[in-house]
Amino acid sequence: MQITTSSGTSSIPVIIGEACFSTKNTNGALASTAFLTSYNLAVEAIMYEVKWNIIPVANSVTLRQALITQINTVLQISGGYGSSFSTSGCLGNVPSTVATYCN
């Protein structure tokens, strides 16, 4: 993730790891769109928080947690009630993925 602070711009790796994503939308394309929207809005929010020192320590751990929290927050708006994003494993037939998201 590229972050800009008063010290300049740096690149910090943020790996989500295995994650489960579900949405009330049964259409795969709508579910994908909901996740991408949530992810992009979450990254924008984090960039703002880092820039204005709301997240005081910008490292892989704090940025990962902030990203997960922001995705969940935004997902409830864009994906609708019942949508979820979890990094604690998958249950049943919920699809899972291992991916590195970089911006």
C-alpha atoms as a PDB file:
ATOM      1  CA  MET A   1       0.000   0.000   0.000  1.00  0.00           C
ATOM      2  CA  GLN A   2       1.405   3.402  -0.944  1.00  0.00           C
ATOM      3  CA  ILE A   3       1.093   5.805   1.965  1.00  0.00           C
ATOM      4  CA  THR A   4       1.965   9.470   2.211  1.00  0.00           C
ATOM      5  CA  THR A   5       2.883  11.119   5.488  1.00  0.00           C
ATOM      6  CA  SER A   6       4.725  14.275   6.451  1.00  0.00           C
ATOM      7  CA  SER A   7       7.921  12.237   6.031  1.00  0.00           C
ATOM      8  CA  GLY A   8       7.145  11.395   2.407  1.00  0.00           C
ATOM      9  CA  THR A   9       5.682   8.471   0.488  1.00  0.00           C
ATOM     10  CA  SER A  10       6.487   4.849   1.200  1.00  0.00           C
ATOM     11  CA  SER A  11       5.238   1.442   0.147  1.00  0.00           C
ATOM     12  CA  ILE A  12       4.113  -0.946   2.896  1.00  0.00           C
ATOM     13  CA  PRO A  13       3.031  -4.507   2.059  1.00  0.00           C
ATOM     14  CA  VAL A  14      -0.440  -5.387   3.313  1.00  0.00           C
ATOM     15  CA  ILE A  15      -1.501  -9.021   2.898  1.00  0.00           C
ATOM     16  CA  ILE A  16      -5.018  -9.963   3.884  1.00  0.00           C
ATOM     17  CA  GLY A  17      -4.466 -13.708   3.463  1.00  0.00           C
ATOM     18  CA  GLU A  18      -7.325 -16.204   3.268  1.00  0.00           C
ATOM     19  CA  ALA A  19     -10.630 -14.422   3.443  1.00  0.00           C
ATOM     20  CA  CYS A  20     -14.297 -15.275   3.178  1.00  0.00           C
ATOM     21  CA  PHE A  21     -16.579 -12.831   1.467  1.00  0.00           C
ATOM     22  CA  SER A  22     -20.330 -13.152   1.235  1.00  0.00           C
ATOM     23  CA  THR A  23     -23.124 -10.836   0.268  1.00  0.00           C
ATOM     24  CA  LYS A  24     -26.891 -11.067   0.152  1.00  0.00           C
ATOM     25  CA  ASN A  25     -26.619 -10.690  -3.631  1.00  0.00           C
ATOM     26  CA  THR A  26     -26.899 -14.115  -5.206  1.00  0.00           C
ATOM     27  CA  ASN A  27     -25.440 -12.889  -8.488  1.00  0.00           C
ATOM     28  CA  GLY A  28     -21.671 -13.427  -8.588  1.00  0.00           C
ATOM     29  CA  ALA A  29     -21.063 -10.243 -10.570  1.00  0.00           C
ATOM     30  CA  LEU A  30     -22.989  -8.143  -8.015  1.00  0.00           C
ATOM     31  CA  ALA A  31     -21.107  -9.767  -5.153  1.00  0.00           C
ATOM     32  CA  SER A  32     -17.764  -9.056  -6.835  1.00  0.00           C
ATOM     33  CA  THR A  33     -18.757  -5.464  -7.473  1.00  0.00           C
ATOM     34  CA  ALA A  34     -19.787  -5.047  -3.823  1.00  0.00           C
ATOM     35  CA  PHE A  35     -16.431  -6.360  -2.635  1.00  0.00           C
ATOM     36  CA  LEU A  36     -14.376  -4.227  -5.040  1.00  0.00           C
ATOM     37  CA  THR A  37     -16.375  -1.144  -4.108  1.00  0.00           C
ATOM     38  CA  SER A  38     -15.846  -1.873  -0.413  1.00  0.00           C
ATOM     39  CA  TYR A  39     -12.141  -2.506  -0.912  1.00  0.00           C
ATOM     40  CA  ASN A  40     -11.526   0.662  -2.924  1.00  0.00           C
ATOM     41  CA  LEU A  41     -13.483   2.866  -0.504  1.00  0.00           C
ATOM     42  CA  ALA A  42     -11.660   1.249   2.421  1.00  0.00           C
ATOM     43  CA  VAL A  43      -8.263   2.014   0.880  1.00  0.00           C
ATOM     44  CA  GLU A  44      -9.279   5.641   0.281  1.00  0.00           C
ATOM     45  CA  ALA A  45     -10.396   5.976   3.907  1.00  0.00           C
ATOM     46  CA  ILE A  46      -7.129   4.502   5.177  1.00  0.00           C
ATOM     47  CA  MET A  47      -5.065   6.849   3.007  1.00  0.00           C
ATOM     48  CA  TYR A  48      -6.940   9.770   4.558  1.00  0.00           C
ATOM     49  CA  GLU A  49      -6.398   8.426   8.081  1.00  0.00           C
ATOM     50  CA  VAL A  50      -2.685   7.890   7.516  1.00  0.00           C
ATOM     51  CA  LYS A  51      -2.225  11.302   5.904  1.00  0.00           C
ATOM     52  CA  TRP A  52      -3.866  13.066   8.856  1.00  0.00           C
ATOM     53  CA  ASN A  53      -2.204  10.823  11.466  1.00  0.00           C
ATOM     54  CA  ILE A  54      -5.478   9.222  12.621  1.00  0.00           C
ATOM     55  CA  ILE A  55      -3.614   5.916  12.272  1.00  0.00           C
ATOM     56  CA  PRO A  56      -0.479   6.890  14.216  1.00  0.00           C
ATOM     57  CA  VAL A  57       1.699   3.907  13.266  1.00  0.00           C
ATOM     58  CA  ALA A  58       1.646   2.938   9.608  1.00  0.00           C
ATOM     59  CA  ASN A  59       3.025  -0.580   9.330  1.00  0.00           C
ATOM     60  CA  SER A  60       1.828  -3.861   7.845  1.00  0.00           C
ATOM     61  CA  VAL A  61      -0.006  -4.911  11.011  1.00  0.00           C
ATOM     62  CA  THR A  62      -1.889  -1.668  11.658  1.00  0.00           C
ATOM     63  CA  LEU A  63      -2.728  -1.194   7.980  1.00  0.00           C
ATOM     64  CA  ARG A  64      -3.981  -4.791   7.667  1.00  0.00           C
ATOM     65  CA  GLN A  65      -6.286  -4.382  10.661  1.00  0.00           C
ATOM     66  CA  ALA A  66      -7.471  -0.991   9.435  1.00  0.00           C
ATOM     67  CA  LEU A  67      -8.175  -2.430   5.986  1.00  0.00           C
ATOM     68  CA  ILE A  68     -10.200  -5.340   7.383  1.00  0.00           C
ATOM     69  CA  THR A  69     -12.185  -3.001   9.650  1.00  0.00           C
ATOM     70  CA  GLN A  70     -12.856  -0.519   6.848  1.00  0.00           C
ATOM     71  CA  ILE A  71     -13.885  -3.236   4.365  1.00  0.00           C
ATOM     72  CA  ASN A  72     -16.415  -4.560   6.877  1.00  0.00           C
ATOM     73  CA  THR A  73     -17.740  -1.071   7.593  1.00  0.00           C
ATOM     74  CA  VAL A  74     -18.142  -0.089   3.956  1.00  0.00           C
ATOM     75  CA  LEU A  75     -19.431  -3.535   2.988  1.00  0.00           C
ATOM     76  CA  GLN A  76     -22.472  -3.107   5.194  1.00  0.00           C
ATOM     77  CA  ILE A  77     -23.376  -0.075   3.070  1.00  0.00           C
ATOM     78  CA  SER A  78     -22.438  -1.291  -0.406  1.00  0.00           C
ATOM     79  CA  GLY A  79     -23.153  -5.007   0.038  1.00  0.00           C
ATOM     80  CA  GLY A  80     -26.232  -4.685   2.166  1.00  0.00           C
ATOM     81  CA  TYR A  81     -27.311  -6.216   5.446  1.00  0.00           C
ATOM     82  CA  GLY A  82     -26.036  -9.753   5.838  1.00  0.00           C
ATOM     83  CA  SER A  83     -22.838  -9.165   3.866  1.00  0.00           C
ATOM     84  CA  SER A  84     -19.643 -10.195   5.579  1.00  0.00           C
ATOM     85  CA  PHE A  85     -15.895 -10.244   5.165  1.00  0.00           C
ATOM     86  CA  SER A  86     -13.893 -12.502   7.446  1.00  0.00           C
ATOM     87  CA  THR A  87     -10.238 -13.467   7.749  1.00  0.00           C
ATOM     88  CA  SER A  88     -10.849 -16.103  10.433  1.00  0.00           C
ATOM     89  CA  GLY A  89     -11.611 -18.994   8.121  1.00  0.00           C
ATOM     90  CA  CYS A  90     -14.568 -20.184   6.111  1.00  0.00           C
ATOM     91  CA  LEU A  91     -17.504 -22.330   7.111  1.00  0.00           C
ATOM     92  CA  GLY A  92     -19.513 -24.679   4.950  1.00  0.00           C
ATOM     93  CA  ASN A  93     -19.612 -23.907   1.253  1.00  0.00           C
ATOM     94  CA  VAL A  94     -18.676 -20.241   1.511  1.00  0.00           C
ATOM     95  CA  PRO A  95     -16.060 -19.504  -1.163  1.00  0.00           C
ATOM     96  CA  SER A  96     -12.604 -18.596   0.057  1.00  0.00           C
ATOM     97  CA  THR A  97      -9.614 -17.025  -1.584  1.00  0.00           C
ATOM     98  CA  VAL A  98      -5.996 -16.341  -0.823  1.00  0.00           C
ATOM     99  CA  ALA A  99      -4.961 -13.095  -2.396  1.00  0.00           C
ATOM    100  CA  THR A 100      -2.625 -10.182  -1.950  1.00  0.00           C
ATOM    101  CA  TYR A 101      -4.315  -6.873  -2.567  1.00  0.00           C
ATOM    102  CA  CYS A 102      -1.953  -4.034  -3.338  1.00  0.00           C
ATOM    103  CA  ASN A 103      -2.607  -0.404  -4.136  1.00  0.00           C
END
